[in-house]
C-alpha atoms as a PDB file:
ATOM      1  CA  MET A   1       0.000   0.000   0.000  1.00  0.00           C
ATOM      2  CA  SER A   2       2.834   2.434   0.695  1.00  0.00           C
ATOM      3  CA  ASP A   3       4.235   1.830  -2.807  1.00  0.00           C
ATOM      4  CA  VAL A   4       0.925   2.923  -4.321  1.00  0.00           C
ATOM      5  CA  ALA A   5       0.804   6.057  -2.182  1.00  0.00           C
ATOM      6  CA  ARG A   6       4.414   6.873  -3.039  1.00  0.00           C
ATOM      7  CA  SER A   7       3.858   6.490  -6.805  1.00  0.00           C
ATOM      8  CA  GLN A   8       0.734   8.659  -6.715  1.00  0.00           C
ATOM      9  CA  LYS A   9       2.676  11.338  -4.853  1.00  0.00           C
ATOM     10  CA  TRP A  10       4.975  11.852  -7.849  1.00  0.00           C
ATOM     11  CA  LEU A  11       2.214  11.717 -10.461  1.00  0.00           C
ATOM     12  CA  PRO A  12       1.402  15.480 -10.552  1.00  0.00           C
ATOM     13  CA  LEU A  13       5.091  16.392 -10.698  1.00  0.00           C
ATOM     14  CA  THR A  14       5.709  13.908 -13.489  1.00  0.00           C
ATOM     15  CA  ALA A  15       2.713  15.184 -15.454  1.00  0.00           C
ATOM     16  CA  LEU A  16       3.894  18.773 -15.005  1.00  0.00           C
ATOM     17  CA  MET A  17       7.394  17.895 -16.186  1.00  0.00           C
ATOM     18  CA  LEU A  18       6.002  16.074 -19.213  1.00  0.00           C
ATOM     19  CA  ALA A  19       3.794  19.042 -20.099  1.00  0.00           C
ATOM     20  CA  GLY A  20       6.760  21.404 -19.723  1.00  0.00           C
ATOM     21  CA  THR A  21       8.918  19.205 -21.926  1.00  0.00           C
ATOM     22  CA  LEU A  22       6.250  19.021 -24.628  1.00  0.00           C
ATOM     23  CA  PHE A  23       5.738  22.788 -24.487  1.00  0.00           C
ATOM     24  CA  THR A  24       9.490  23.394 -24.755  1.00  0.00           C
ATOM     25  CA  LEU A  25       9.715  21.015 -27.696  1.00  0.00           C
ATOM     26  CA  ALA A  26       6.817  22.756 -29.450  1.00  0.00           C
ATOM     27  CA  VAL A  27       8.415  26.184 -28.931  1.00  0.00           C
ATOM     28  CA  PHE A  28      11.772  24.906 -30.188  1.00  0.00           C
ATOM     29  CA  LEU A  29      10.250  23.338 -33.295  1.00  0.00           C
ATOM     30  CA  GLY A  30       8.231  26.496 -33.930  1.00  0.00           C
ATOM     31  CA  TRP A  31      11.365  28.613 -33.648  1.00  0.00           C
ATOM     32  CA  MET A  32      13.238  26.296 -36.025  1.00  0.00           C
ATOM     33  CA  ARG A  33      10.396  26.559 -38.548  1.00  0.00           C
ATOM     34  CA  TYR A  34       9.431  30.241 -38.202  1.00  0.00           C
ATOM     35  CA  GLY A  35      12.481  31.813 -36.524  1.00  0.00           C
ATOM     36  CA  SER A  36      13.752  33.635 -39.582  1.00  0.00           C
ATOM     37  CA  ASP A  37      10.289  35.060 -40.315  1.00  0.00           C
ATOM     38  CA  ILE A  38       9.943  36.205 -36.709  1.00  0.00           C
ATOM     39  CA  PHE A  39      13.377  37.840 -36.758  1.00  0.00           C
ATOM     40  CA  LEU A  40      12.762  39.589 -40.094  1.00  0.00           C
ATOM     41  CA  THR A  41       9.440  40.910 -38.810  1.00  0.00           C
ATOM     42  CA  LEU A  42      11.179  42.250 -35.709  1.00  0.00           C
ATOM     43  CA  ILE A  43      13.837  43.924 -37.867  1.00  0.00           C
ATOM     44  CA  GLU A  44      11.171  45.569 -40.019  1.00  0.00           C
ATOM     45  CA  SER A  45       9.441  46.991 -36.960  1.00  0.00           C
ATOM     46  CA  GLY A  46      12.707  48.019 -35.300  1.00  0.00           C
ATOM     47  CA  LEU A  47      12.321  45.764 -32.289  1.00  0.00           C
ATOM     48  CA  ALA A  48      15.105  43.303 -33.089  1.00  0.00           C
ATOM     49  CA  TYR A  49      17.739  45.409 -31.392  1.00  0.00           C
ATOM     50  CA  CYS A  50      15.800  45.427 -28.107  1.00  0.00           C
ATOM     51  CA  PHE A  51      16.601  41.755 -27.619  1.00  0.00           C
END
């Protein structure tokens, strides 16, 4: 019974870490796909040098 309670204790943390990893992966893939377009848009509006 204590093994079940111990595994359920880590379940929210594991789910949160998985969600964070998936979000980070999605942002990275989005940057790889659209990064140049984002940067060129920032240059056109003059905001690229703020970063």
